[in-house]
C-alpha atoms as a PDB file:
ATOM      1  CA  UNK A   1      17.672 -29.351  20.463  1.00  0.00           C
ATOM      2  CA  UNK A   2      17.712 -32.304  21.774  1.00  0.00           C
ATOM      3  CA  UNK A   3      18.026 -33.859  18.272  1.00  0.00           C
ATOM      4  CA  UNK A   4      20.436 -31.104  17.247  1.00  0.00           C
ATOM      5  CA  UNK A   5      22.826 -32.881  19.832  1.00  0.00           C
ATOM      6  CA  UNK A   6      22.490 -36.122  18.963  1.00  0.00           C
ATOM      7  CA  UNK A   7      23.023 -35.267  15.167  1.00  0.00           C
ATOM      8  CA  UNK A   8      25.934 -33.774  16.141  1.00  0.00           C
ATOM      9  CA  UNK A   9      27.071 -37.567  17.976  1.00  0.00           C
ATOM     10  CA  UNK A  10      25.813 -39.602  14.593  1.00  0.00           C
ATOM     11  CA  UNK A  11      27.118 -36.965  11.419  1.00  0.00           C
ATOM     12  CA  UNK A  12      29.730 -34.809  13.283  1.00  0.00           C
ATOM     13  CA  UNK A  13      30.291 -31.805  11.185  1.00  0.00           C
ATOM     14  CA  UNK A  14      27.925 -32.428   8.506  1.00  0.00           C
ATOM     15  CA  UNK A  15      25.179 -32.003  10.565  1.00  0.00           C
ATOM     16  CA  UNK A  16      23.906 -29.308   8.706  1.00  0.00           C
ATOM     17  CA  UNK A  17      23.761 -30.887   5.442  1.00  0.00           C
ATOM     18  CA  UNK A  18      22.483 -34.248   7.496  1.00  0.00           C
ATOM     19  CA  UNK A  19      19.411 -32.089   8.868  1.00  0.00           C
ATOM     20  CA  UNK A  20      18.309 -30.207   5.973  1.00  0.00           C
ATOM     21  CA  UNK A  21      18.352 -33.297   2.869  1.00  0.00           C
ATOM     22  CA  UNK A  22      16.225 -35.422   2.204  1.00  0.00           C
ATOM     23  CA  UNK A  23      16.905 -38.846   3.498  1.00  0.00           C
ATOM     24  CA  UNK A  24      15.055 -42.793   1.732  1.00  0.00           C
ATOM     25  CA  UNK A  25      15.240 -44.603   5.629  1.00  0.00           C
ATOM     26  CA  UNK A  26      12.850 -41.429   6.965  1.00  0.00           C
ATOM     27  CA  UNK A  27      10.557 -41.432   3.728  1.00  0.00           C
ATOM     28  CA  UNK A  28      12.258 -38.962   1.248  1.00  0.00           C
ATOM     29  CA  UNK A  29      11.603 -36.076   4.049  1.00  0.00           C
ATOM     30  CA  UNK A  30      14.469 -33.941   5.829  1.00  0.00           C
ATOM     31  CA  UNK A  31      14.800 -34.585   9.623  1.00  0.00           C
ATOM     32  CA  UNK A  32      14.136 -31.110   9.964  1.00  0.00           C
ATOM     33  CA  UNK A  33      10.813 -31.260   8.570  1.00  0.00           C
ATOM     34  CA  UNK A  34      10.324 -34.418  10.278  1.00  0.00           C
ATOM     35  CA  UNK A  35      10.567 -32.905  14.206  1.00  0.00           C
ATOM     36  CA  UNK A  36       7.858 -30.827  13.191  1.00  0.00           C
ATOM     37  CA  UNK A  37       5.455 -33.609  14.693  1.00  0.00           C
ATOM     38  CA  UNK A  38       5.312 -35.457  18.019  1.00  0.00           C
ATOM     39  CA  UNK A  39       5.130 -38.499  15.290  1.00  0.00           C
ATOM     40  CA  UNK A  40       8.179 -37.386  13.461  1.00  0.00           C
ATOM     41  CA  UNK A  41      10.064 -36.876  16.184  1.00  0.00           C
ATOM     42  CA  UNK A  42      10.108 -40.648  17.122  1.00  0.00           C
ATOM     43  CA  UNK A  43      10.712 -41.520  14.108  1.00  0.00           C
ATOM     44  CA  UNK A  44      13.984 -39.670  13.894  1.00  0.00           C
ATOM     45  CA  UNK A  45      14.381 -40.607  17.315  1.00  0.00           C
ATOM     46  CA  UNK A  46      14.474 -44.455  16.331  1.00  0.00           C
ATOM     47  CA  UNK A  47      16.242 -43.185  13.594  1.00  0.00           C
ATOM     48  CA  UNK A  48      19.807 -41.529  15.145  1.00  0.00           C
ATOM     49  CA  UNK A  49      19.450 -44.275  17.381  1.00  0.00           C
ATOM     50  CA  UNK A  50      19.670 -46.872  14.956  1.00  0.00           C
ATOM     51  CA  UNK A  51      22.815 -45.136  13.455  1.00  0.00           C
ATOM     52  CA  UNK A  52      24.672 -45.208  17.036  1.00  0.00           C
ATOM     53  CA  UNK A  53      23.719 -48.429  17.467  1.00  0.00           C
ATOM     54  CA  UNK A  54      25.308 -49.075  13.802  1.00  0.00           C
ATOM     55  CA  UNK A  55      22.628 -50.145  11.775  1.00  0.00           C
ATOM     56  CA  UNK A  56      23.315 -49.150   7.600  1.00  0.00           C
ATOM     57  CA  UNK A  57      19.819 -47.423   7.059  1.00  0.00           C
END
C-alpha cells in the first residue's frame, strides 16, 4: 500500500497504468511484479524516490 501512495505522488492519475506496465529501468518488469519480493520492493522504493528527486530514468 505504501508503494501505491508513493506511486500516486509520482504519477498522479496514471498510477494504475504505471504500476502494471513493464519499465526498462526496472529490468523490464512492472512495479506490481517487483513488489512481490523484498528485493523488488527495495528496488521499487529507490526507483520511485529517484523519480521524486527529479531523476530521468
